[in-house]
Amino acid sequence: MIKINLLSEGKRAVRKAKPASSLLEGKDIGQYLILVGLLIGALASGWFWWTLKQRIADQQEEISIAQAEVEALGAVIKEVEEYKAKKAELERKIGIINDLKANQKGPVRIMDYVSKALPELLWMDRMTMNATTIALEGRAFNTNAVAALIENLDRVPEFEEPTLRDATEQGGIYRFVIDFNYKFEAPKPEKAAGDETKPGVPAASPATSG
């Protein structure tokens, strides 16, 4: 007759199951903590590296944008400098033209006055002019023409009394040299519109009510 010892079988099963349930109890928990720490450290390092890389990428993008803005501003600044240079050159040329016009007003007026003062039977050979003095050299068929020229020049308000420096007769032709001082008065200011007050007549005072 076969006898089965259930008690011994149960103990044997308990012995087999016990090592499985007490697996962790038999190991050093410190090793697992080290593994977990290493894993967490690796994850933290990876996150930090990724974050740092992302920041570097963002900064590089900002730097690229800033460089593009600097280049754009550099082009604008260059255009502004070129505009300033062209403006200065244009103003310089305009100043030169205005100076030439101002300087030409005197000679043009003088030539006009002298040409109108020339009588018949007389012609000009040379006119020399400096800041304040004019010298005329010419020829005439008689002394009356020279006298008429002096009289005509004396009538010009800007000319002072002419002086006959030389009058030499050569072959029936009289060579003469006349000089005189001149000055141009500053232009008078224009009257304001509606100002019709005559010189020497005081303006009427406003009426006062009694």
N, C-alpha and C. Protein backbone atom coordinates (compact mmCIF):
# COMPACT_ATOMS: atom_id res chain seq x y z
N MET A 1 0.84 -1.20 0.00
CA MET A 1 0.00 0.00 0.00
C MET A 1 0.87 1.24 0.00
N ILE A 2 0.56 2.10 -0.87
CA ILE A 2 1.38 3.31 -1.05
C ILE A 2 0.82 4.40 -0.15
N LYS A 3 1.73 4.99 0.65
CA LYS A 3 1.33 6.08 1.54
C LYS A 3 1.94 7.40 1.04
N ILE A 4 1.10 8.36 1.04
CA ILE A 4 1.56 9.69 0.59
C ILE A 4 1.59 10.60 1.80
N ASN A 5 2.73 11.12 2.05
CA ASN A 5 2.90 12.03 3.19
C ASN A 5 2.65 13.46 2.70
N LEU A 6 1.43 13.92 2.87
CA LEU A 6 1.03 15.25 2.41
C LEU A 6 1.75 16.33 3.18
N LEU A 7 2.08 16.05 4.38
CA LEU A 7 2.74 17.07 5.20
C LEU A 7 4.13 17.37 4.67
N SER A 8 4.83 16.26 4.31
CA SER A 8 6.18 16.46 3.79
C SER A 8 6.15 17.11 2.43
N GLU A 9 5.12 16.78 1.63
CA GLU A 9 5.00 17.42 0.32
C GLU A 9 4.73 18.89 0.47
N GLY A 10 3.93 19.24 1.47
CA GLY A 10 3.61 20.67 1.69
C GLY A 10 4.84 21.44 2.13
N LYS A 11 5.65 20.80 2.98
CA LYS A 11 6.87 21.47 3.42
C LYS A 11 7.83 21.67 2.26
N ARG A 12 7.88 20.64 1.38
CA ARG A 12 8.79 20.75 0.25
C ARG A 12 8.34 21.87 -0.68
N ALA A 13 7.03 22.03 -0.84
CA ALA A 13 6.52 23.10 -1.69
C ALA A 13 6.81 24.46 -1.09
N VAL A 14 6.72 24.48 0.26
CA VAL A 14 7.01 25.76 0.93
C VAL A 14 8.45 26.11 0.77
N ARG A 15 9.35 25.10 0.83
CA ARG A 15 10.77 25.36 0.65
C ARG A 15 11.06 25.89 -0.76
N LYS A 16 10.36 25.36 -1.76
CA LYS A 16 10.58 25.82 -3.12
C LYS A 16 10.05 27.24 -3.35
N ALA A 17 8.92 27.55 -2.73
CA ALA A 17 8.32 28.87 -2.92
C ALA A 17 9.03 29.93 -2.13
N LYS A 18 9.62 29.60 -1.02
CA LYS A 18 10.26 30.57 -0.14
C LYS A 18 11.41 31.30 -0.81
N PRO A 19 12.29 30.61 -1.52
CA PRO A 19 13.38 31.36 -2.16
C PRO A 19 12.87 32.41 -3.15
N ALA A 20 11.71 32.12 -3.87
CA ALA A 20 11.16 33.07 -4.84
C ALA A 20 10.60 34.30 -4.15
N SER A 21 9.96 34.13 -3.02
CA SER A 21 9.34 35.26 -2.32
C SER A 21 10.36 36.08 -1.55
N SER A 22 11.46 35.46 -1.18
CA SER A 22 12.47 36.18 -0.40
C SER A 22 13.69 36.53 -1.24
N LEU A 23 13.47 36.68 -2.56
CA LEU A 23 14.58 36.97 -3.46
C LEU A 23 15.21 38.31 -3.11
N LEU A 24 14.33 39.34 -2.94
CA LEU A 24 14.85 40.66 -2.63
C LEU A 24 15.46 40.72 -1.24
N GLU A 25 14.95 39.91 -0.37
CA GLU A 25 15.46 39.95 0.98
C GLU A 25 16.88 39.42 1.05
N GLY A 26 17.24 38.58 0.10
CA GLY A 26 18.57 38.01 0.13
C GLY A 26 19.59 38.85 -0.61
N LYS A 27 19.18 39.84 -1.33
CA LYS A 27 20.09 40.69 -2.09
C LYS A 27 20.33 41.99 -1.36
N ASP A 28 21.42 42.71 -1.74
CA ASP A 28 21.72 44.00 -1.13
C ASP A 28 20.93 45.07 -1.86
N ILE A 29 20.03 45.74 -1.17
CA ILE A 29 19.18 46.77 -1.79
C ILE A 29 19.98 47.97 -2.26
N GLY A 30 21.17 48.12 -1.71
CA GLY A 30 22.03 49.23 -2.12
C GLY A 30 22.39 49.18 -3.60
N GLN A 31 22.56 48.00 -4.15
CA GLN A 31 22.89 47.87 -5.57
C GLN A 31 21.77 48.41 -6.45
N TYR A 32 20.54 48.12 -6.04
CA TYR A 32 19.40 48.62 -6.80
C TYR A 32 19.30 50.14 -6.70
N LEU A 33 19.59 50.64 -5.54
CA LEU A 33 19.58 52.10 -5.39
C LEU A 33 20.63 52.75 -6.27
N ILE A 34 21.80 52.09 -6.35
CA ILE A 34 22.85 52.63 -7.23
C ILE A 34 22.40 52.62 -8.68
N LEU A 35 21.79 51.52 -9.08
CA LEU A 35 21.29 51.42 -10.46
C LEU A 35 20.24 52.49 -10.74
N VAL A 36 19.32 52.66 -9.79
CA VAL A 36 18.28 53.66 -9.96
C VAL A 36 18.90 55.06 -10.02
N GLY A 37 19.90 55.31 -9.15
CA GLY A 37 20.56 56.60 -9.16
C GLY A 37 21.27 56.87 -10.47
N LEU A 38 21.96 55.84 -11.00
CA LEU A 38 22.63 55.99 -12.28
C LEU A 38 21.64 56.29 -13.40
N LEU A 39 20.50 55.59 -13.34
CA LEU A 39 19.48 55.81 -14.37
C LEU A 39 18.93 57.24 -14.29
N ILE A 40 18.63 57.67 -13.07
CA ILE A 40 18.12 59.04 -12.89
C ILE A 40 19.17 60.06 -13.33
N GLY A 41 20.45 59.78 -12.97
CA GLY A 41 21.53 60.69 -13.38
C GLY A 41 21.66 60.76 -14.89
N ALA A 42 21.53 59.59 -15.55
CA ALA A 42 21.61 59.57 -17.01
C ALA A 42 20.47 60.35 -17.63
N LEU A 43 19.26 60.17 -17.06
CA LEU A 43 18.11 60.91 -17.57
C LEU A 43 18.28 62.41 -17.34
N ALA A 44 18.77 62.79 -16.17
CA ALA A 44 18.98 64.21 -15.87
C ALA A 44 20.04 64.81 -16.79
N SER A 45 21.13 64.05 -17.01
CA SER A 45 22.18 64.54 -17.90
C SER A 45 21.65 64.71 -19.31
N GLY A 46 20.86 63.75 -19.76
CA GLY A 46 20.28 63.86 -21.10
C GLY A 46 19.35 65.04 -21.23
N TRP A 47 18.53 65.27 -20.18
CA TRP A 47 17.61 66.41 -20.22
C TRP A 47 18.39 67.73 -20.20
N PHE A 48 19.42 67.79 -19.36
CA PHE A 48 20.23 68.99 -19.30
C PHE A 48 20.94 69.26 -20.63
N TRP A 49 21.47 68.19 -21.23
CA TRP A 49 22.16 68.35 -22.52
C TRP A 49 21.20 68.82 -23.61
N TRP A 50 20.00 68.22 -23.61
CA TRP A 50 19.00 68.61 -24.60
C TRP A 50 18.57 70.06 -24.39
N THR A 51 18.35 70.45 -23.12
CA THR A 51 17.96 71.83 -22.81
C THR A 51 19.06 72.81 -23.22
N LEU A 52 20.31 72.46 -22.90
CA LEU A 52 21.43 73.32 -23.27
C LEU A 52 21.55 73.45 -24.77
N LYS A 53 21.37 72.34 -25.47
CA LYS A 53 21.43 72.38 -26.93
C LYS A 53 20.32 73.24 -27.50
N GLN A 54 19.12 73.16 -26.90
CA GLN A 54 18.01 73.96 -27.37
C GLN A 54 18.27 75.45 -27.13
N ARG A 55 18.86 75.77 -25.97
CA ARG A 55 19.20 77.17 -25.68
C ARG A 55 20.24 77.70 -26.65
N ILE A 56 21.25 76.87 -26.95
CA ILE A 56 22.28 77.28 -27.90
C ILE A 56 21.67 77.53 -29.27
N ALA A 57 20.75 76.64 -29.67
CA ALA A 57 20.10 76.82 -30.96
C ALA A 57 19.28 78.11 -30.98
N ASP A 58 18.55 78.37 -29.87
CA ASP A 58 17.76 79.61 -29.80
C ASP A 58 18.66 80.84 -29.87
N GLN A 59 19.78 80.81 -29.12
CA GLN A 59 20.70 81.93 -29.14
C GLN A 59 21.32 82.13 -30.51
N GLN A 60 21.67 81.05 -31.18
CA GLN A 60 22.22 81.16 -32.52
C GLN A 60 21.19 81.76 -33.49
N GLU A 61 19.93 81.39 -33.31
CA GLU A 61 18.89 81.98 -34.15
C GLU A 61 18.75 83.46 -33.88
N GLU A 62 18.79 83.83 -32.57
CA GLU A 62 18.72 85.26 -32.22
C GLU A 62 19.92 86.02 -32.79
N ILE A 63 21.10 85.40 -32.72
CA ILE A 63 22.29 86.04 -33.27
C ILE A 63 22.16 86.23 -34.77
N SER A 64 21.62 85.23 -35.46
CA SER A 64 21.43 85.34 -36.91
C SER A 64 20.46 86.47 -37.24
N ILE A 65 19.36 86.57 -36.45
CA ILE A 65 18.39 87.64 -36.69
C ILE A 65 19.04 89.00 -36.43
N ALA A 66 19.82 89.08 -35.33
CA ALA A 66 20.49 90.34 -35.02
C ALA A 66 21.49 90.72 -36.11
N GLN A 67 22.24 89.74 -36.62
CA GLN A 67 23.19 90.02 -37.69
C GLN A 67 22.48 90.51 -38.95
N ALA A 68 21.33 89.89 -39.25
CA ALA A 68 20.56 90.33 -40.42
C ALA A 68 20.08 91.77 -40.22
N GLU A 69 19.63 92.10 -39.01
CA GLU A 69 19.20 93.48 -38.74
C GLU A 69 20.37 94.45 -38.84
N VAL A 70 21.53 94.02 -38.33
CA VAL A 70 22.71 94.88 -38.42
C VAL A 70 23.09 95.13 -39.87
N GLU A 71 23.04 94.08 -40.69
CA GLU A 71 23.35 94.25 -42.11
C GLU A 71 22.35 95.18 -42.78
N ALA A 72 21.06 95.00 -42.43
CA ALA A 72 20.05 95.89 -43.01
C ALA A 72 20.27 97.33 -42.57
N LEU A 73 20.55 97.51 -41.27
CA LEU A 73 20.82 98.87 -40.78
C LEU A 73 22.09 99.43 -41.40
N GLY A 74 23.08 98.56 -41.63
CA GLY A 74 24.31 99.03 -42.27
C GLY A 74 24.04 99.57 -43.67
N ALA A 75 23.16 98.89 -44.40
CA ALA A 75 22.80 99.37 -45.74
C ALA A 75 22.07 100.71 -45.66
N VAL A 76 21.17 100.82 -44.66
CA VAL A 76 20.45 102.09 -44.49
C VAL A 76 21.40 103.20 -44.12
N ILE A 77 22.32 102.91 -43.18
CA ILE A 77 23.30 103.92 -42.76
C ILE A 77 24.17 104.35 -43.95
N LYS A 78 24.55 103.38 -44.78
CA LYS A 78 25.35 103.71 -45.95
C LYS A 78 24.58 104.63 -46.89
N GLU A 79 23.30 104.33 -47.09
CA GLU A 79 22.48 105.19 -47.95
C GLU A 79 22.35 106.59 -47.36
N VAL A 80 22.19 106.66 -46.02
CA VAL A 80 22.07 107.97 -45.36
C VAL A 80 23.36 108.76 -45.53
N GLU A 81 24.51 108.10 -45.35
CA GLU A 81 25.79 108.78 -45.50
C GLU A 81 25.99 109.27 -46.94
N GLU A 82 25.60 108.42 -47.91
CA GLU A 82 25.71 108.83 -49.30
C GLU A 82 24.79 110.02 -49.58
N TYR A 83 23.58 109.97 -48.99
CA TYR A 83 22.65 111.09 -49.18
C TYR A 83 23.22 112.37 -48.58
N LYS A 84 23.81 112.26 -47.37
CA LYS A 84 24.41 113.44 -46.74
C LYS A 84 25.55 114.00 -47.59
N ALA A 85 26.37 113.09 -48.13
CA ALA A 85 27.49 113.54 -48.96
C ALA A 85 26.98 114.23 -50.23
N LYS A 86 25.96 113.64 -50.86
CA LYS A 86 25.40 114.26 -52.06
C LYS A 86 24.75 115.60 -51.73
N LYS A 87 24.06 115.67 -50.58
CA LYS A 87 23.43 116.91 -50.18
C LYS A 87 24.47 118.00 -49.94
N ALA A 88 25.56 117.62 -49.23
CA ALA A 88 26.63 118.59 -48.96
C ALA A 88 27.27 119.07 -50.27
N GLU A 89 27.49 118.14 -51.20
CA GLU A 89 28.08 118.52 -52.48
C GLU A 89 27.14 119.43 -53.26
N LEU A 90 25.84 119.10 -53.23
CA LEU A 90 24.86 119.94 -53.93
C LEU A 90 24.80 121.33 -53.30
N GLU A 91 24.80 121.40 -51.97
CA GLU A 91 24.78 122.70 -51.30
C GLU A 91 26.04 123.49 -51.63
N ARG A 92 27.19 122.80 -51.73
CA ARG A 92 28.42 123.50 -52.08
C ARG A 92 28.33 124.08 -53.49
N LYS A 93 27.81 123.29 -54.43
CA LYS A 93 27.67 123.78 -55.80
C LYS A 93 26.69 124.94 -55.88
N ILE A 94 25.58 124.83 -55.13
CA ILE A 94 24.60 125.92 -55.12
C ILE A 94 25.23 127.18 -54.54
N GLY A 95 26.04 127.02 -53.49
CA GLY A 95 26.73 128.17 -52.91
C GLY A 95 27.67 128.82 -53.89
N ILE A 96 28.40 127.98 -54.64
CA ILE A 96 29.31 128.53 -55.65
C ILE A 96 28.54 129.29 -56.73
N ILE A 97 27.42 128.70 -57.17
CA ILE A 97 26.61 129.37 -58.20
C ILE A 97 26.06 130.68 -57.68
N ASN A 98 25.58 130.67 -56.43
CA ASN A 98 25.06 131.92 -55.86
C ASN A 98 26.15 132.98 -55.72
N ASP A 99 27.35 132.53 -55.32
CA ASP A 99 28.47 133.48 -55.22
C ASP A 99 28.82 134.05 -56.58
N LEU A 100 28.84 133.18 -57.60
CA LEU A 100 29.13 133.67 -58.95
C LEU A 100 28.08 134.67 -59.42
N LYS A 101 26.82 134.33 -59.12
CA LYS A 101 25.76 135.27 -59.52
C LYS A 101 25.91 136.60 -58.80
N ALA A 102 26.22 136.52 -57.49
CA ALA A 102 26.38 137.76 -56.73
C ALA A 102 27.56 138.57 -57.24
N ASN A 103 28.63 137.85 -57.58
CA ASN A 103 29.82 138.56 -58.08
C ASN A 103 29.62 139.09 -59.50
N GLN A 104 28.74 138.46 -60.24
CA GLN A 104 28.50 138.91 -61.62
C GLN A 104 27.56 140.10 -61.70
N LYS A 105 26.80 140.32 -60.64
CA LYS A 105 25.85 141.42 -60.69
C LYS A 105 26.57 142.74 -60.87
N GLY A 106 27.67 142.94 -60.10
CA GLY A 106 28.41 144.18 -60.21
C GLY A 106 28.98 144.40 -61.59
N PRO A 107 29.80 143.48 -62.11
CA PRO A 107 30.37 143.67 -63.45
C PRO A 107 29.32 143.81 -64.53
N VAL A 108 28.24 143.06 -64.44
CA VAL A 108 27.20 143.16 -65.47
C VAL A 108 26.58 144.55 -65.45
N ARG A 109 26.29 145.05 -64.26
CA ARG A 109 25.71 146.39 -64.17
C ARG A 109 26.69 147.45 -64.65
N ILE A 110 27.97 147.27 -64.28
CA ILE A 110 28.99 148.24 -64.71
C ILE A 110 29.11 148.26 -66.23
N MET A 111 29.17 147.05 -66.82
CA MET A 111 29.26 147.00 -68.28
C MET A 111 28.05 147.65 -68.92
N ASP A 112 26.89 147.46 -68.32
CA ASP A 112 25.68 148.07 -68.88
C ASP A 112 25.75 149.59 -68.78
N TYR A 113 26.18 150.08 -67.59
CA TYR A 113 26.29 151.53 -67.43
C TYR A 113 27.33 152.14 -68.39
N VAL A 114 28.47 151.51 -68.50
CA VAL A 114 29.54 152.04 -69.35
C VAL A 114 29.11 152.02 -70.81
N SER A 115 28.50 150.91 -71.23
CA SER A 115 28.09 150.82 -72.64
C SER A 115 27.04 151.88 -72.98
N LYS A 116 26.15 152.18 -72.04
CA LYS A 116 25.14 153.20 -72.28
C LYS A 116 25.74 154.60 -72.25
N ALA A 117 26.89 154.74 -71.55
CA ALA A 117 27.52 156.06 -71.45
C ALA A 117 28.39 156.39 -72.66
N LEU A 118 28.69 155.41 -73.50
CA LEU A 118 29.58 155.66 -74.64
C LEU A 118 28.88 156.53 -75.68
N PRO A 119 29.44 157.66 -76.02
CA PRO A 119 28.85 158.52 -77.07
C PRO A 119 29.31 158.06 -78.46
N GLU A 120 28.84 158.76 -79.46
CA GLU A 120 29.28 158.47 -80.82
C GLU A 120 30.72 158.97 -81.02
N LEU A 121 31.37 158.42 -82.01
CA LEU A 121 32.75 158.78 -82.37
C LEU A 121 33.74 158.40 -81.26
N LEU A 122 33.38 157.38 -80.46
CA LEU A 122 34.28 156.94 -79.38
C LEU A 122 34.08 155.44 -79.18
N TRP A 123 35.17 154.74 -78.92
CA TRP A 123 35.06 153.30 -78.64
C TRP A 123 36.08 152.90 -77.57
N MET A 124 35.72 151.81 -76.89
CA MET A 124 36.53 151.32 -75.76
C MET A 124 37.55 150.32 -76.25
N ASP A 125 38.76 150.38 -75.70
CA ASP A 125 39.79 149.38 -75.95
C ASP A 125 39.98 148.43 -74.75
N ARG A 126 39.83 148.97 -73.55
CA ARG A 126 40.09 148.15 -72.36
C ARG A 126 39.36 148.75 -71.16
N MET A 127 38.88 147.86 -70.28
CA MET A 127 38.31 148.28 -69.02
C MET A 127 38.92 147.43 -67.91
N THR A 128 39.50 148.08 -66.93
CA THR A 128 40.12 147.38 -65.80
C THR A 128 39.33 147.74 -64.54
N MET A 129 38.99 146.70 -63.76
CA MET A 129 38.17 146.93 -62.58
C MET A 129 38.73 146.15 -61.40
N ASN A 130 38.79 146.80 -60.23
CA ASN A 130 39.11 146.09 -59.00
C ASN A 130 37.97 146.29 -58.02
N ALA A 131 38.24 146.17 -56.76
CA ALA A 131 37.15 146.20 -55.77
C ALA A 131 36.43 147.53 -55.73
N THR A 132 37.15 148.63 -55.96
CA THR A 132 36.53 149.96 -55.81
C THR A 132 36.79 150.91 -56.98
N THR A 133 37.67 150.54 -57.90
CA THR A 133 38.09 151.48 -58.95
C THR A 133 37.92 150.86 -60.33
N ILE A 134 37.56 151.70 -61.29
CA ILE A 134 37.42 151.29 -62.69
C ILE A 134 38.28 152.22 -63.53
N ALA A 135 39.03 151.63 -64.45
CA ALA A 135 39.84 152.41 -65.40
C ALA A 135 39.41 152.07 -66.81
N LEU A 136 39.17 153.10 -67.62
CA LEU A 136 38.73 152.92 -69.00
C LEU A 136 39.80 153.46 -69.95
N GLU A 137 40.12 152.68 -70.96
CA GLU A 137 41.07 153.11 -72.00
C GLU A 137 40.37 152.97 -73.35
N GLY A 138 40.49 154.02 -74.16
CA GLY A 138 39.83 153.96 -75.46
C GLY A 138 40.35 155.01 -76.41
N ARG A 139 39.62 155.16 -77.53
CA ARG A 139 40.00 156.12 -78.56
C ARG A 139 38.77 156.89 -79.03
N ALA A 140 39.02 158.13 -79.44
CA ALA A 140 37.92 158.98 -79.90
C ALA A 140 38.41 159.85 -81.05
N PHE A 141 37.46 160.30 -81.85
CA PHE A 141 37.83 161.15 -82.99
C PHE A 141 38.05 162.59 -82.56
N ASN A 142 37.50 162.98 -81.42
CA ASN A 142 37.71 164.35 -80.96
C ASN A 142 37.56 164.38 -79.44
N THR A 143 37.95 165.50 -78.87
CA THR A 143 37.89 165.64 -77.41
C THR A 143 36.47 165.83 -76.92
N ASN A 144 35.57 166.27 -77.78
CA ASN A 144 34.18 166.43 -77.36
C ASN A 144 33.56 165.08 -76.99
N ALA A 145 33.93 164.04 -77.73
CA ALA A 145 33.41 162.70 -77.41
C ALA A 145 33.93 162.24 -76.05
N VAL A 146 35.19 162.55 -75.75
CA VAL A 146 35.75 162.18 -74.44
C VAL A 146 35.02 162.93 -73.34
N ALA A 147 34.78 164.22 -73.54
CA ALA A 147 34.05 165.01 -72.55
C ALA A 147 32.63 164.49 -72.35
N ALA A 148 31.99 164.06 -73.45
CA ALA A 148 30.63 163.52 -73.34
C ALA A 148 30.64 162.21 -72.54
N LEU A 149 31.66 161.40 -72.73
CA LEU A 149 31.76 160.15 -71.97
C LEU A 149 31.90 160.45 -70.47
N ILE A 150 32.76 161.41 -70.13
CA ILE A 150 32.95 161.76 -68.72
C ILE A 150 31.64 162.29 -68.13
N GLU A 151 30.93 163.09 -68.86
CA GLU A 151 29.66 163.63 -68.37
C GLU A 151 28.63 162.52 -68.18
N ASN A 152 28.56 161.58 -69.11
CA ASN A 152 27.61 160.48 -68.99
C ASN A 152 27.94 159.58 -67.80
N LEU A 153 29.22 159.30 -67.58
CA LEU A 153 29.62 158.47 -66.45
C LEU A 153 29.31 159.16 -65.13
N ASP A 154 29.44 160.47 -65.10
CA ASP A 154 29.19 161.21 -63.87
C ASP A 154 27.72 161.18 -63.48
N ARG A 155 26.86 160.89 -64.42
CA ARG A 155 25.42 160.82 -64.12
C ARG A 155 25.01 159.51 -63.45
N VAL A 156 25.86 158.51 -63.49
CA VAL A 156 25.52 157.21 -62.88
C VAL A 156 25.66 157.34 -61.37
N PRO A 157 24.63 157.06 -60.58
CA PRO A 157 24.70 157.25 -59.13
C PRO A 157 25.79 156.40 -58.46
N GLU A 158 26.05 155.20 -59.00
CA GLU A 158 27.04 154.33 -58.39
C GLU A 158 28.47 154.75 -58.69
N PHE A 159 28.67 155.63 -59.67
CA PHE A 159 30.02 156.07 -60.05
C PHE A 159 30.34 157.42 -59.41
N GLU A 160 31.56 157.54 -58.89
CA GLU A 160 32.02 158.83 -58.41
C GLU A 160 32.53 159.65 -59.61
N GLU A 161 32.90 160.91 -59.37
CA GLU A 161 33.29 161.80 -60.47
C GLU A 161 34.49 161.24 -61.23
N PRO A 162 34.36 160.99 -62.52
CA PRO A 162 35.48 160.45 -63.30
C PRO A 162 36.61 161.47 -63.45
N THR A 163 37.82 160.92 -63.60
CA THR A 163 39.01 161.77 -63.78
C THR A 163 39.71 161.38 -65.07
N LEU A 164 40.02 162.37 -65.90
CA LEU A 164 40.74 162.13 -67.15
C LEU A 164 42.24 162.08 -66.83
N ARG A 165 42.82 160.88 -66.91
CA ARG A 165 44.22 160.71 -66.58
C ARG A 165 45.15 160.99 -67.76
N ASP A 166 44.68 160.76 -68.96
CA ASP A 166 45.55 160.96 -70.12
C ASP A 166 44.68 161.18 -71.35
N ALA A 167 45.13 162.04 -72.22
CA ALA A 167 44.46 162.28 -73.51
C ALA A 167 45.54 162.68 -74.51
N THR A 168 45.89 161.73 -75.37
CA THR A 168 46.99 161.93 -76.31
C THR A 168 46.47 161.79 -77.74
N GLU A 169 46.82 162.76 -78.58
CA GLU A 169 46.39 162.74 -79.98
C GLU A 169 47.47 162.08 -80.84
N GLN A 170 47.07 161.07 -81.62
CA GLN A 170 47.99 160.35 -82.49
C GLN A 170 47.32 160.17 -83.86
N GLY A 171 47.81 160.91 -84.82
CA GLY A 171 47.27 160.78 -86.17
C GLY A 171 45.81 161.13 -86.28
N GLY A 172 45.39 162.12 -85.54
CA GLY A 172 44.00 162.53 -85.61
C GLY A 172 43.09 161.74 -84.69
N ILE A 173 43.61 160.77 -83.96
CA ILE A 173 42.83 159.95 -83.02
C ILE A 173 43.33 160.26 -81.60
N TYR A 174 42.39 160.48 -80.71
CA TYR A 174 42.73 160.80 -79.33
C TYR A 174 42.63 159.52 -78.47
N ARG A 175 43.74 159.18 -77.87
CA ARG A 175 43.74 158.08 -76.90
C ARG A 175 43.54 158.66 -75.50
N PHE A 176 42.67 158.03 -74.72
CA PHE A 176 42.35 158.58 -73.41
C PHE A 176 42.36 157.47 -72.34
N VAL A 177 42.56 157.90 -71.12
CA VAL A 177 42.48 157.02 -69.95
C VAL A 177 41.64 157.74 -68.90
N ILE A 178 40.57 157.11 -68.47
CA ILE A 178 39.67 157.68 -67.46
C ILE A 178 39.54 156.67 -66.33
N ASP A 179 39.60 157.15 -65.10
CA ASP A 179 39.34 156.26 -63.98
C ASP A 179 38.40 156.93 -62.99
N PHE A 180 37.73 156.10 -62.20
CA PHE A 180 36.79 156.60 -61.20
C PHE A 180 36.50 155.49 -60.19
N ASN A 181 36.06 155.89 -59.03
CA ASN A 181 35.64 154.93 -58.01
C ASN A 181 34.16 154.61 -58.17
N TYR A 182 33.77 153.48 -57.62
CA TYR A 182 32.36 153.09 -57.71
C TYR A 182 31.98 152.34 -56.44
N LYS A 183 30.70 152.28 -56.18
CA LYS A 183 30.17 151.48 -55.08
C LYS A 183 28.69 151.23 -55.36
N PHE A 184 28.24 150.06 -54.92
CA PHE A 184 26.84 149.69 -55.11
C PHE A 184 26.16 149.68 -53.75
N GLU A 185 25.05 150.40 -53.66
CA GLU A 185 24.32 150.45 -52.41
C GLU A 185 23.55 149.16 -52.21
N ALA A 186 23.36 148.81 -50.94
CA ALA A 186 22.57 147.62 -50.62
C ALA A 186 21.14 147.84 -51.06
N PRO A 187 20.47 146.78 -51.56
CA PRO A 187 19.09 146.96 -52.01
C PRO A 187 18.19 147.38 -50.86
N LYS A 188 17.27 148.29 -51.16
CA LYS A 188 16.35 148.76 -50.14
C LYS A 188 15.31 147.69 -49.82
N PRO A 189 14.94 147.57 -48.53
CA PRO A 189 13.93 146.56 -48.18
C PRO A 189 12.59 146.89 -48.81
N GLU A 190 11.91 145.85 -49.24
CA GLU A 190 10.61 146.05 -49.87
C GLU A 190 9.57 146.40 -48.82
N LYS A 191 8.63 147.26 -49.21
CA LYS A 191 7.57 147.65 -48.29
C LYS A 191 6.59 146.50 -48.14
N ALA A 192 6.03 146.41 -46.96
CA ALA A 192 5.03 145.38 -46.72
C ALA A 192 3.79 145.69 -47.52
N ALA A 193 3.06 144.62 -47.87
CA ALA A 193 1.84 144.79 -48.66
C ALA A 193 0.84 145.64 -47.90
N GLY A 194 0.28 146.62 -48.57
CA GLY A 194 -0.71 147.48 -47.94
C GLY A 194 -0.11 148.68 -47.26
N ASP A 195 1.23 148.76 -47.17
CA ASP A 195 1.88 149.91 -46.55
C ASP A 195 2.09 150.99 -47.60
N GLU A 196 1.18 151.92 -47.67
CA GLU A 196 1.22 152.96 -48.68
C GLU A 196 1.50 154.32 -48.07
N THR A 197 2.11 154.33 -46.87
CA THR A 197 2.42 155.60 -46.21
C THR A 197 3.50 156.32 -46.98
N LYS A 198 3.29 157.54 -47.34
CA LYS A 198 4.26 158.31 -48.10
C LYS A 198 5.36 158.82 -47.19
N PRO A 199 6.59 158.97 -47.74
CA PRO A 199 7.69 159.49 -46.92
C PRO A 199 7.36 160.87 -46.41
N GLY A 200 7.66 161.09 -45.12
CA GLY A 200 7.47 162.40 -44.52
C GLY A 200 6.06 162.65 -44.05
N VAL A 201 5.13 161.72 -44.34
CA VAL A 201 3.75 161.89 -43.90
C VAL A 201 3.48 160.90 -42.81
N PRO A 202 3.22 161.33 -41.57
CA PRO A 202 2.98 160.38 -40.49
C PRO A 202 1.71 159.61 -40.70
N ALA A 203 1.71 158.39 -40.21
CA ALA A 203 0.53 157.56 -40.35
C ALA A 203 -0.57 158.09 -39.47
N ALA A 204 -1.80 157.95 -39.93
CA ALA A 204 -2.92 158.46 -39.18
C ALA A 204 -3.11 157.64 -37.93
N SER A 205 -3.34 158.32 -36.80
CA SER A 205 -3.54 157.62 -35.55
C SER A 205 -4.95 157.07 -35.49
N PRO A 206 -5.17 155.96 -34.81
CA PRO A 206 -6.52 155.38 -34.77
C PRO A 206 -7.49 156.30 -34.06
N ALA A 207 -8.70 156.36 -34.57
CA ALA A 207 -9.71 157.24 -33.98
C ALA A 207 -10.12 156.72 -32.64
N THR A 208 -10.33 157.63 -31.70
CA THR A 208 -10.77 157.28 -30.35
C THR A 208 -12.19 157.75 -30.15
N SER A 209 -12.97 156.94 -29.54
CA SER A 209 -14.37 157.29 -29.31
C SER A 209 -14.49 158.22 -28.13
N GLY A 210 -15.34 159.23 -28.24
CA GLY A 210 -15.52 160.14 -27.13
C GLY A 210 -16.51 159.57 -26.18
